[in-house]
Amino acid sequence: EVQTDDDINLTDARFQVQLVIRPQTEELHDYRGYAGKIISGVYKKGDKVKVLPAGIEATIAKLEVSGKEVDEVFAPQAAVIQLSDDIDISRGDSIVKADNLPQISNELEVLLCWLDEKPLQPGNKYFLQHNSRLVKAVVRTIEYKLDVNSLQQHPVEGGVKLNEVVKAIIKTASPLVYDAYDKIGASGSAILIDETSN
């Protein structure tokens, strides 16, 4: 009964900027491209898009793959998107279709598998790495521990130990653009990084 559908979602367009390209040379003095991997979906020249989390609307002016201009790009290609307007866009910002928006929040409800010898304590500060976006985060509360064999929920006593799975509430310093994990896995997953030890 396991679903074996293609795991590449070509419906929901998601792109996160990994690098802003501004060569500022004589022949390319106005060039401003946004490089990254298409997480899911399809982008076409002329598409109306929104830059998140700012919420600014724009139109795709050009698309490039391997330095060549193309009419469309799709997951999981690496591509460069150029927009019709000059917008202040940084690494980690998302470019999505204006009519199909992901969730935006700085409070996240997560299922978390803890992979550190040092226990996870509510109130501790971390970095949260979501694809190319890195934000400061704090674990606000731990709701329960999940027994992976029976799927029963148990209260957490003390800190969360190595390999324990818990449901937690994480607050981030700036808004995160994401989807539910079961909708788009790459857009619905992240890594917590200890600020002190990495």
N, C-alpha and C. Protein backbone atom coordinates (compact mmCIF):
# COMPACT_ATOMS: atom_id res chain seq x y z
N GLU A 1 0.80 -1.21 0.00
CA GLU A 1 0.00 0.00 0.00
C GLU A 1 0.84 1.27 0.00
N VAL A 2 2.16 1.13 -0.08
CA VAL A 2 3.03 2.31 -0.07
C VAL A 2 2.93 3.03 -1.42
N GLN A 3 2.74 4.36 -1.36
CA GLN A 3 2.68 5.16 -2.59
C GLN A 3 4.05 5.16 -3.25
N THR A 4 4.09 4.87 -4.54
CA THR A 4 5.37 4.88 -5.26
C THR A 4 5.35 5.93 -6.37
N ASP A 5 4.57 6.99 -6.19
CA ASP A 5 4.52 8.06 -7.18
C ASP A 5 5.90 8.69 -7.32
N ASP A 6 6.10 9.39 -8.43
CA ASP A 6 7.34 10.13 -8.65
C ASP A 6 7.49 11.13 -7.51
N ASP A 7 8.68 11.20 -6.92
CA ASP A 7 8.87 12.07 -5.76
C ASP A 7 9.18 13.51 -6.16
N ILE A 8 9.22 13.83 -7.45
CA ILE A 8 9.46 15.20 -7.88
C ILE A 8 8.10 15.88 -8.10
N ASN A 9 7.84 16.90 -7.30
CA ASN A 9 6.59 17.65 -7.38
C ASN A 9 6.75 18.71 -8.48
N LEU A 10 5.97 18.59 -9.55
CA LEU A 10 6.05 19.57 -10.64
C LEU A 10 4.87 20.54 -10.61
N THR A 11 4.09 20.50 -9.53
CA THR A 11 2.90 21.36 -9.41
C THR A 11 3.20 22.64 -8.64
N ASP A 12 3.83 22.50 -7.47
CA ASP A 12 4.05 23.63 -6.57
C ASP A 12 5.45 24.19 -6.79
N ALA A 13 5.54 25.37 -7.40
CA ALA A 13 6.84 25.95 -7.76
C ALA A 13 7.52 26.56 -6.53
N ARG A 14 8.70 26.03 -6.19
CA ARG A 14 9.49 26.51 -5.07
C ARG A 14 10.95 26.65 -5.50
N PHE A 15 11.54 27.81 -5.21
CA PHE A 15 12.93 28.10 -5.55
C PHE A 15 13.50 28.95 -4.43
N GLN A 16 14.63 28.54 -3.89
CA GLN A 16 15.28 29.32 -2.84
C GLN A 16 16.63 29.81 -3.36
N VAL A 17 16.88 31.10 -3.21
CA VAL A 17 18.10 31.72 -3.73
C VAL A 17 19.32 31.23 -2.94
N GLN A 18 20.30 30.68 -3.67
CA GLN A 18 21.56 30.27 -3.05
C GLN A 18 22.63 31.33 -3.24
N LEU A 19 22.55 32.06 -4.36
CA LEU A 19 23.58 33.04 -4.69
C LEU A 19 22.97 34.15 -5.54
N VAL A 20 23.27 35.39 -5.17
CA VAL A 20 22.87 36.55 -5.98
C VAL A 20 24.06 36.87 -6.88
N ILE A 21 23.84 36.86 -8.21
CA ILE A 21 24.92 37.08 -9.17
C ILE A 21 24.85 38.52 -9.68
N ARG A 22 25.89 39.31 -9.36
CA ARG A 22 26.00 40.71 -9.80
C ARG A 22 27.42 40.92 -10.32
N PRO A 23 27.72 40.53 -11.57
CA PRO A 23 29.09 40.65 -12.06
C PRO A 23 29.59 42.10 -12.17
N GLN A 24 28.70 43.03 -12.52
CA GLN A 24 29.02 44.46 -12.67
C GLN A 24 30.25 44.69 -13.56
N THR A 25 30.28 43.98 -14.67
CA THR A 25 31.33 44.18 -15.66
C THR A 25 30.79 45.13 -16.74
N GLU A 26 31.65 45.55 -17.67
CA GLU A 26 31.22 46.45 -18.74
C GLU A 26 30.05 45.88 -19.54
N GLU A 27 30.18 44.60 -19.95
CA GLU A 27 29.13 44.00 -20.79
C GLU A 27 27.91 43.55 -19.98
N LEU A 28 28.07 43.36 -18.67
CA LEU A 28 26.95 42.90 -17.82
C LEU A 28 26.71 43.84 -16.64
N HIS A 29 26.78 45.15 -16.86
CA HIS A 29 26.70 46.07 -15.71
C HIS A 29 25.31 46.11 -15.06
N ASP A 30 24.25 45.71 -15.79
CA ASP A 30 22.90 45.69 -15.21
C ASP A 30 22.44 44.28 -14.82
N TYR A 31 23.32 43.29 -14.97
CA TYR A 31 22.92 41.90 -14.73
C TYR A 31 22.67 41.66 -13.25
N ARG A 32 21.51 41.05 -12.95
CA ARG A 32 21.19 40.65 -11.58
C ARG A 32 20.43 39.31 -11.67
N GLY A 33 21.13 38.22 -11.36
CA GLY A 33 20.53 36.89 -11.45
C GLY A 33 20.50 36.23 -10.08
N TYR A 34 19.54 35.33 -9.91
CA TYR A 34 19.38 34.61 -8.64
C TYR A 34 19.55 33.13 -8.92
N ALA A 35 20.66 32.57 -8.42
CA ALA A 35 21.01 31.19 -8.71
C ALA A 35 20.56 30.28 -7.57
N GLY A 36 20.15 29.07 -7.93
CA GLY A 36 19.75 28.07 -6.95
C GLY A 36 19.22 26.84 -7.63
N LYS A 37 18.70 25.93 -6.83
CA LYS A 37 18.12 24.69 -7.35
C LYS A 37 16.61 24.82 -7.29
N ILE A 38 15.94 24.41 -8.36
CA ILE A 38 14.47 24.38 -8.34
C ILE A 38 14.08 23.24 -7.41
N ILE A 39 13.47 23.58 -6.26
CA ILE A 39 13.08 22.57 -5.27
C ILE A 39 11.92 21.73 -5.81
N SER A 40 10.95 22.40 -6.42
CA SER A 40 9.80 21.72 -7.00
C SER A 40 9.13 22.64 -8.01
N GLY A 41 8.30 22.06 -8.86
CA GLY A 41 7.53 22.85 -9.81
C GLY A 41 8.26 23.21 -11.08
N VAL A 42 7.60 24.09 -11.86
CA VAL A 42 8.09 24.54 -13.16
C VAL A 42 7.98 26.06 -13.20
N TYR A 43 9.01 26.72 -13.71
CA TYR A 43 9.01 28.17 -13.90
C TYR A 43 9.16 28.47 -15.38
N LYS A 44 8.37 29.44 -15.88
CA LYS A 44 8.44 29.84 -17.28
C LYS A 44 8.68 31.34 -17.38
N LYS A 45 9.32 31.73 -18.46
CA LYS A 45 9.52 33.15 -18.73
C LYS A 45 8.15 33.82 -18.79
N GLY A 46 8.02 34.95 -18.09
CA GLY A 46 6.74 35.68 -18.06
C GLY A 46 5.85 35.32 -16.87
N ASP A 47 6.22 34.29 -16.08
CA ASP A 47 5.43 33.92 -14.90
C ASP A 47 5.39 35.06 -13.89
N LYS A 48 4.23 35.25 -13.27
CA LYS A 48 4.09 36.19 -12.15
C LYS A 48 4.55 35.46 -10.90
N VAL A 49 5.51 36.06 -10.17
CA VAL A 49 6.06 35.42 -8.98
C VAL A 49 6.02 36.38 -7.80
N LYS A 50 6.22 35.79 -6.61
CA LYS A 50 6.34 36.57 -5.38
C LYS A 50 7.66 36.22 -4.73
N VAL A 51 8.35 37.24 -4.23
CA VAL A 51 9.60 37.04 -3.50
C VAL A 51 9.24 37.04 -2.02
N LEU A 52 9.54 35.94 -1.34
CA LEU A 52 9.17 35.78 0.07
C LEU A 52 10.44 35.68 0.92
N PRO A 53 10.43 36.15 2.17
CA PRO A 53 9.25 36.54 2.95
C PRO A 53 8.78 37.97 2.73
N ALA A 54 9.45 38.78 1.91
CA ALA A 54 9.07 40.19 1.74
C ALA A 54 7.68 40.37 1.13
N GLY A 55 7.27 39.43 0.23
CA GLY A 55 5.95 39.51 -0.38
C GLY A 55 5.89 40.42 -1.59
N ILE A 56 7.04 40.72 -2.21
CA ILE A 56 7.09 41.61 -3.37
C ILE A 56 6.78 40.82 -4.64
N GLU A 57 5.89 41.36 -5.49
CA GLU A 57 5.53 40.70 -6.74
C GLU A 57 6.44 41.15 -7.88
N ALA A 58 6.71 40.24 -8.81
CA ALA A 58 7.55 40.54 -9.98
C ALA A 58 7.18 39.57 -11.09
N THR A 59 7.86 39.72 -12.22
CA THR A 59 7.67 38.83 -13.36
C THR A 59 9.03 38.27 -13.75
N ILE A 60 9.05 36.99 -14.16
CA ILE A 60 10.31 36.39 -14.61
C ILE A 60 10.67 36.94 -15.99
N ALA A 61 11.83 37.57 -16.09
CA ALA A 61 12.28 38.17 -17.35
C ALA A 61 13.10 37.17 -18.16
N LYS A 62 14.00 36.42 -17.48
CA LYS A 62 14.86 35.45 -18.17
C LYS A 62 15.13 34.27 -17.26
N LEU A 63 15.38 33.13 -17.88
CA LEU A 63 15.78 31.91 -17.17
C LEU A 63 17.03 31.37 -17.83
N GLU A 64 17.97 30.88 -17.03
CA GLU A 64 19.20 30.32 -17.58
C GLU A 64 19.51 28.97 -16.94
N VAL A 65 20.01 28.06 -17.76
CA VAL A 65 20.52 26.78 -17.29
C VAL A 65 21.88 26.58 -17.96
N SER A 66 22.92 26.36 -17.17
CA SER A 66 24.29 26.18 -17.68
C SER A 66 24.73 27.34 -18.57
N GLY A 67 24.34 28.57 -18.20
CA GLY A 67 24.77 29.75 -18.94
C GLY A 67 24.00 30.01 -20.22
N LYS A 68 22.99 29.18 -20.53
CA LYS A 68 22.21 29.37 -21.75
C LYS A 68 20.78 29.76 -21.38
N GLU A 69 20.22 30.72 -22.11
CA GLU A 69 18.85 31.16 -21.86
C GLU A 69 17.86 30.10 -22.32
N VAL A 70 16.86 29.82 -21.48
CA VAL A 70 15.82 28.83 -21.80
C VAL A 70 14.45 29.45 -21.51
N ASP A 71 13.40 28.80 -22.02
CA ASP A 71 12.04 29.31 -21.81
C ASP A 71 11.41 28.80 -20.52
N GLU A 72 11.88 27.62 -20.04
CA GLU A 72 11.34 27.10 -18.78
C GLU A 72 12.39 26.27 -18.05
N VAL A 73 12.23 26.21 -16.73
CA VAL A 73 13.09 25.38 -15.88
C VAL A 73 12.18 24.59 -14.95
N PHE A 74 12.68 23.45 -14.47
CA PHE A 74 11.85 22.59 -13.63
C PHE A 74 12.71 21.82 -12.64
N ALA A 75 12.08 21.31 -11.59
CA ALA A 75 12.77 20.54 -10.56
C ALA A 75 13.33 19.26 -11.18
N PRO A 76 14.53 18.86 -10.81
CA PRO A 76 15.45 19.40 -9.81
C PRO A 76 16.62 20.17 -10.43
N GLN A 77 16.38 20.94 -11.47
CA GLN A 77 17.45 21.66 -12.16
C GLN A 77 18.07 22.77 -11.31
N ALA A 78 19.34 23.03 -11.56
CA ALA A 78 19.99 24.23 -11.04
C ALA A 78 19.77 25.30 -12.10
N ALA A 79 19.38 26.50 -11.69
CA ALA A 79 19.02 27.52 -12.66
C ALA A 79 19.33 28.91 -12.12
N VAL A 80 19.28 29.88 -13.02
CA VAL A 80 19.38 31.29 -12.66
C VAL A 80 18.10 31.97 -13.12
N ILE A 81 17.45 32.67 -12.20
CA ILE A 81 16.23 33.42 -12.51
C ILE A 81 16.56 34.90 -12.52
N GLN A 82 16.12 35.60 -13.56
CA GLN A 82 16.22 37.06 -13.61
C GLN A 82 14.80 37.63 -13.59
N LEU A 83 14.59 38.66 -12.79
CA LEU A 83 13.27 39.26 -12.65
C LEU A 83 13.20 40.58 -13.42
N SER A 84 11.96 40.99 -13.72
CA SER A 84 11.74 42.22 -14.49
C SER A 84 12.10 43.47 -13.69
N ASP A 85 12.01 43.39 -12.36
CA ASP A 85 12.29 44.55 -11.51
C ASP A 85 13.51 44.31 -10.64
N ASP A 86 14.21 45.39 -10.29
CA ASP A 86 15.32 45.30 -9.35
C ASP A 86 14.75 45.26 -7.94
N ILE A 87 14.90 44.13 -7.29
CA ILE A 87 14.35 43.92 -5.95
C ILE A 87 15.50 43.53 -5.03
N ASP A 88 15.43 43.96 -3.79
CA ASP A 88 16.46 43.58 -2.81
C ASP A 88 16.20 42.14 -2.37
N ILE A 89 16.95 41.21 -2.94
CA ILE A 89 16.79 39.78 -2.66
C ILE A 89 18.11 39.25 -2.12
N SER A 90 18.04 38.41 -1.08
CA SER A 90 19.24 37.87 -0.45
C SER A 90 19.24 36.35 -0.50
N ARG A 91 20.39 35.77 -0.17
CA ARG A 91 20.50 34.32 -0.04
C ARG A 91 19.44 33.82 0.94
N GLY A 92 18.74 32.75 0.57
CA GLY A 92 17.71 32.17 1.44
C GLY A 92 16.31 32.67 1.16
N ASP A 93 16.15 33.76 0.39
CA ASP A 93 14.81 34.23 0.02
C ASP A 93 14.22 33.25 -0.99
N SER A 94 12.90 33.19 -1.03
CA SER A 94 12.21 32.26 -1.93
C SER A 94 11.51 33.00 -3.05
N ILE A 95 11.52 32.39 -4.24
CA ILE A 95 10.76 32.90 -5.38
C ILE A 95 9.73 31.83 -5.70
N VAL A 96 8.45 32.19 -5.56
CA VAL A 96 7.35 31.24 -5.77
C VAL A 96 6.32 31.85 -6.71
N LYS A 97 5.47 31.00 -7.30
CA LYS A 97 4.40 31.51 -8.16
C LYS A 97 3.42 32.30 -7.30
N ALA A 98 2.96 33.43 -7.83
CA ALA A 98 2.08 34.34 -7.08
C ALA A 98 0.74 33.69 -6.72
N ASP A 99 0.31 32.67 -7.49
CA ASP A 99 -0.99 32.05 -7.23
C ASP A 99 -0.88 30.73 -6.46
N ASN A 100 0.31 30.41 -5.93
CA ASN A 100 0.51 29.15 -5.21
C ASN A 100 1.56 29.39 -4.12
N LEU A 101 1.09 29.89 -2.98
CA LEU A 101 2.02 30.32 -1.94
C LEU A 101 2.26 29.26 -0.86
N PRO A 102 3.49 29.18 -0.36
CA PRO A 102 3.79 28.30 0.78
C PRO A 102 3.38 28.98 2.08
N GLN A 103 3.68 28.35 3.19
CA GLN A 103 3.43 28.95 4.51
C GLN A 103 4.60 29.86 4.88
N ILE A 104 4.30 30.90 5.64
CA ILE A 104 5.33 31.80 6.15
C ILE A 104 5.06 32.02 7.62
N SER A 105 6.05 31.70 8.46
CA SER A 105 5.85 31.88 9.91
C SER A 105 7.21 31.88 10.60
N ASN A 106 7.23 32.45 11.81
CA ASN A 106 8.45 32.33 12.61
C ASN A 106 8.18 31.47 13.85
N GLU A 107 7.03 30.78 13.85
CA GLU A 107 6.76 29.79 14.89
C GLU A 107 6.38 28.49 14.21
N LEU A 108 7.17 27.46 14.42
CA LEU A 108 7.03 26.20 13.70
C LEU A 108 6.70 25.06 14.64
N GLU A 109 5.77 24.23 14.22
CA GLU A 109 5.44 23.01 14.95
C GLU A 109 6.14 21.88 14.20
N VAL A 110 7.07 21.20 14.87
CA VAL A 110 7.91 20.23 14.17
C VAL A 110 7.95 18.87 14.88
N LEU A 111 8.21 17.83 14.09
CA LEU A 111 8.62 16.53 14.62
C LEU A 111 10.13 16.50 14.45
N LEU A 112 10.83 16.22 15.52
CA LEU A 112 12.27 16.39 15.54
C LEU A 112 12.95 15.12 16.04
N CYS A 113 13.93 14.65 15.29
CA CYS A 113 14.76 13.54 15.74
C CYS A 113 16.07 14.14 16.24
N TRP A 114 16.38 13.95 17.52
CA TRP A 114 17.56 14.57 18.12
C TRP A 114 18.78 13.69 17.89
N LEU A 115 19.83 14.25 17.29
CA LEU A 115 21.00 13.47 16.88
C LEU A 115 22.29 13.94 17.54
N ASP A 116 22.20 14.39 18.80
CA ASP A 116 23.39 14.88 19.49
C ASP A 116 23.50 14.19 20.85
N GLU A 117 24.73 13.97 21.29
CA GLU A 117 24.97 13.39 22.62
C GLU A 117 24.51 14.36 23.72
N LYS A 118 24.69 15.66 23.46
CA LYS A 118 24.26 16.69 24.40
C LYS A 118 22.73 16.82 24.33
N PRO A 119 22.02 16.65 25.45
CA PRO A 119 20.55 16.67 25.39
C PRO A 119 19.98 18.00 24.91
N LEU A 120 18.84 17.91 24.24
CA LEU A 120 18.09 19.10 23.82
C LEU A 120 17.26 19.60 24.99
N GLN A 121 17.41 20.88 25.31
CA GLN A 121 16.65 21.48 26.42
C GLN A 121 15.78 22.61 25.87
N PRO A 122 14.51 22.69 26.30
CA PRO A 122 13.69 23.84 25.90
C PRO A 122 14.36 25.13 26.36
N GLY A 123 14.29 26.16 25.53
CA GLY A 123 14.92 27.44 25.85
C GLY A 123 16.30 27.60 25.25
N ASN A 124 16.93 26.49 24.83
CA ASN A 124 18.26 26.59 24.22
C ASN A 124 18.18 27.25 22.85
N LYS A 125 19.27 27.95 22.50
CA LYS A 125 19.32 28.65 21.21
C LYS A 125 20.11 27.84 20.21
N TYR A 126 19.62 27.87 18.96
CA TYR A 126 20.23 27.11 17.87
C TYR A 126 20.21 27.95 16.60
N PHE A 127 20.89 27.45 15.58
CA PHE A 127 20.69 27.91 14.21
C PHE A 127 19.75 26.91 13.56
N LEU A 128 18.86 27.37 12.70
CA LEU A 128 18.01 26.48 11.93
C LEU A 128 18.39 26.65 10.46
N GLN A 129 18.87 25.57 9.84
CA GLN A 129 19.28 25.58 8.43
C GLN A 129 18.15 24.99 7.60
N HIS A 130 17.51 25.82 6.78
CA HIS A 130 16.41 25.39 5.91
C HIS A 130 16.87 25.62 4.47
N ASN A 131 17.37 24.57 3.82
CA ASN A 131 18.02 24.69 2.51
C ASN A 131 19.13 25.73 2.62
N SER A 132 19.07 26.83 1.87
CA SER A 132 20.17 27.82 1.95
C SER A 132 19.88 28.95 2.93
N ARG A 133 18.76 28.90 3.64
CA ARG A 133 18.43 29.95 4.62
C ARG A 133 18.87 29.51 6.02
N LEU A 134 19.65 30.37 6.69
CA LEU A 134 20.13 30.09 8.04
C LEU A 134 19.58 31.18 8.97
N VAL A 135 18.80 30.76 9.99
CA VAL A 135 18.21 31.72 10.93
C VAL A 135 18.48 31.29 12.35
N LYS A 136 18.49 32.25 13.28
CA LYS A 136 18.60 31.93 14.69
C LYS A 136 17.25 31.40 15.16
N ALA A 137 17.30 30.42 16.08
CA ALA A 137 16.06 29.80 16.56
C ALA A 137 16.19 29.41 18.02
N VAL A 138 15.04 29.29 18.66
CA VAL A 138 15.01 28.81 20.04
C VAL A 138 13.92 27.74 20.13
N VAL A 139 14.19 26.66 20.87
CA VAL A 139 13.18 25.63 21.10
C VAL A 139 12.31 26.11 22.25
N ARG A 140 11.08 26.51 21.94
CA ARG A 140 10.19 27.09 22.96
C ARG A 140 9.66 26.02 23.91
N THR A 141 9.04 24.99 23.34
CA THR A 141 8.48 23.92 24.18
C THR A 141 8.65 22.58 23.50
N ILE A 142 8.63 21.53 24.33
CA ILE A 142 8.60 20.16 23.81
C ILE A 142 7.28 19.57 24.26
N GLU A 143 6.42 19.25 23.29
CA GLU A 143 5.06 18.80 23.58
C GLU A 143 5.04 17.36 24.12
N TYR A 144 5.73 16.47 23.40
CA TYR A 144 5.74 15.06 23.82
C TYR A 144 6.86 14.31 23.11
N LYS A 145 7.16 13.12 23.64
CA LYS A 145 8.12 12.21 23.01
C LYS A 145 7.30 11.14 22.29
N LEU A 146 7.73 10.76 21.10
CA LEU A 146 7.03 9.77 20.30
C LEU A 146 7.76 8.43 20.39
N ASP A 147 7.03 7.40 20.78
CA ASP A 147 7.59 6.05 20.78
C ASP A 147 7.55 5.55 19.34
N VAL A 148 8.72 5.33 18.73
CA VAL A 148 8.75 4.98 17.31
C VAL A 148 8.22 3.58 17.01
N ASN A 149 8.13 2.75 18.04
CA ASN A 149 7.61 1.39 17.83
C ASN A 149 6.09 1.34 17.89
N SER A 150 5.51 2.05 18.87
CA SER A 150 4.06 2.00 19.05
C SER A 150 3.34 3.27 18.59
N LEU A 151 4.11 4.35 18.31
CA LEU A 151 3.59 5.68 17.95
C LEU A 151 2.80 6.32 19.09
N GLN A 152 2.99 5.82 20.31
CA GLN A 152 2.35 6.45 21.47
C GLN A 152 3.12 7.68 21.89
N GLN A 153 2.38 8.64 22.47
CA GLN A 153 2.98 9.89 22.93
C GLN A 153 3.23 9.80 24.43
N HIS A 154 4.45 10.19 24.84
CA HIS A 154 4.84 10.15 26.25
C HIS A 154 5.35 11.51 26.68
N PRO A 155 5.17 11.86 27.96
CA PRO A 155 5.74 13.13 28.43
C PRO A 155 7.27 13.06 28.43
N VAL A 156 7.89 14.21 28.27
CA VAL A 156 9.36 14.28 28.25
C VAL A 156 9.83 14.65 29.65
N GLU A 157 10.71 13.83 30.21
CA GLU A 157 11.29 14.11 31.52
C GLU A 157 12.75 14.48 31.32
N GLY A 158 13.11 15.70 31.71
CA GLY A 158 14.47 16.18 31.50
C GLY A 158 14.66 16.57 30.04
N GLY A 159 15.88 16.46 29.56
CA GLY A 159 16.17 16.84 28.17
C GLY A 159 15.86 15.71 27.21
N VAL A 160 15.90 16.03 25.93
CA VAL A 160 15.69 15.04 24.88
C VAL A 160 17.03 14.40 24.57
N LYS A 161 17.05 13.07 24.63
CA LYS A 161 18.31 12.34 24.47
C LYS A 161 18.52 11.91 23.02
N LEU A 162 19.75 11.45 22.74
CA LEU A 162 20.14 10.99 21.42
C LEU A 162 19.12 10.01 20.84
N ASN A 163 18.72 10.23 19.58
CA ASN A 163 17.81 9.39 18.80
C ASN A 163 16.35 9.44 19.26
N GLU A 164 16.01 10.31 20.20
CA GLU A 164 14.60 10.43 20.58
C GLU A 164 13.88 11.34 19.58
N VAL A 165 12.62 11.01 19.34
CA VAL A 165 11.78 11.79 18.43
C VAL A 165 10.74 12.51 19.26
N VAL A 166 10.67 13.84 19.08
CA VAL A 166 9.75 14.64 19.87
C VAL A 166 8.98 15.61 18.97
N LYS A 167 7.84 16.04 19.49
CA LYS A 167 7.12 17.14 18.84
C LYS A 167 7.48 18.39 19.62
N ALA A 168 7.92 19.44 18.89
CA ALA A 168 8.39 20.65 19.54
C ALA A 168 7.86 21.89 18.83
N ILE A 169 7.90 23.00 19.53
CA ILE A 169 7.59 24.31 18.95
C ILE A 169 8.90 25.09 18.90
N ILE A 170 9.26 25.54 17.69
CA ILE A 170 10.49 26.29 17.48
C ILE A 170 10.12 27.70 17.03
N LYS A 171 10.76 28.68 17.64
CA LYS A 171 10.56 30.08 17.23
C LYS A 171 11.83 30.56 16.55
N THR A 172 11.67 31.17 15.36
CA THR A 172 12.83 31.65 14.61
C THR A 172 12.89 33.19 14.66
N ALA A 173 14.11 33.72 14.52
CA ALA A 173 14.32 35.16 14.62
C ALA A 173 13.72 35.90 13.43
N SER A 174 13.65 35.25 12.27
CA SER A 174 13.01 35.85 11.10
C SER A 174 12.11 34.80 10.45
N PRO A 175 11.11 35.25 9.68
CA PRO A 175 10.13 34.30 9.12
C PRO A 175 10.77 33.27 8.21
N LEU A 176 10.21 32.07 8.25
CA LEU A 176 10.66 30.97 7.40
C LEU A 176 9.57 30.70 6.36
N VAL A 177 9.98 30.43 5.13
CA VAL A 177 9.06 30.10 4.03
C VAL A 177 9.16 28.59 3.84
N TYR A 178 8.06 27.87 4.04
CA TYR A 178 8.12 26.41 4.04
C TYR A 178 6.79 25.79 3.63
N ASP A 179 6.80 24.48 3.42
CA ASP A 179 5.60 23.69 3.14
C ASP A 179 5.56 22.53 4.12
N ALA A 180 4.42 21.90 4.23
CA ALA A 180 4.32 20.68 5.04
C ALA A 180 5.24 19.62 4.42
N TYR A 181 5.91 18.85 5.27
CA TYR A 181 6.86 17.85 4.80
C TYR A 181 6.22 16.83 3.85
N ASP A 182 4.97 16.43 4.14
CA ASP A 182 4.33 15.42 3.28
C ASP A 182 3.89 16.00 1.93
N LYS A 183 3.91 17.32 1.79
CA LYS A 183 3.59 17.95 0.51
C LYS A 183 4.85 18.11 -0.34
N ILE A 184 5.89 18.75 0.24
CA ILE A 184 7.18 18.94 -0.44
C ILE A 184 8.27 18.71 0.60
N GLY A 185 8.85 17.52 0.59
CA GLY A 185 9.83 17.13 1.60
C GLY A 185 11.00 18.11 1.75
N ALA A 186 11.57 18.56 0.62
CA ALA A 186 12.73 19.45 0.68
C ALA A 186 12.38 20.83 1.22
N SER A 187 11.13 21.22 1.10
CA SER A 187 10.69 22.52 1.60
C SER A 187 10.14 22.42 3.03
N GLY A 188 9.92 21.19 3.49
CA GLY A 188 9.32 20.98 4.82
C GLY A 188 10.27 20.34 5.81
N SER A 189 11.57 20.42 5.53
CA SER A 189 12.54 19.83 6.46
C SER A 189 13.66 20.84 6.73
N ALA A 190 14.31 20.68 7.87
CA ALA A 190 15.39 21.58 8.26
C ALA A 190 16.30 20.87 9.25
N ILE A 191 17.40 21.53 9.60
CA ILE A 191 18.37 20.99 10.54
C ILE A 191 18.59 22.02 11.65
N LEU A 192 18.57 21.56 12.90
CA LEU A 192 18.93 22.44 14.03
C LEU A 192 20.43 22.27 14.29
N ILE A 193 21.12 23.39 14.46
CA ILE A 193 22.57 23.36 14.67
C ILE A 193 22.89 24.06 16.00
N ASP A 194 23.64 23.41 16.84
CA ASP A 194 24.05 24.01 18.11
C ASP A 194 24.98 25.18 17.85
N GLU A 195 24.64 26.36 18.37
CA GLU A 195 25.44 27.57 18.14
C GLU A 195 26.86 27.43 18.69
N THR A 196 27.00 26.71 19.79
CA THR A 196 28.30 26.66 20.47
C THR A 196 29.26 25.64 19.85
N SER A 197 28.74 24.53 19.33
CA SER A 197 29.61 23.47 18.84
C SER A 197 29.47 23.17 17.35
N ASN A 198 28.44 23.77 16.73
CA ASN A 198 28.08 23.47 15.33
C ASN A 198 27.72 22.00 15.13
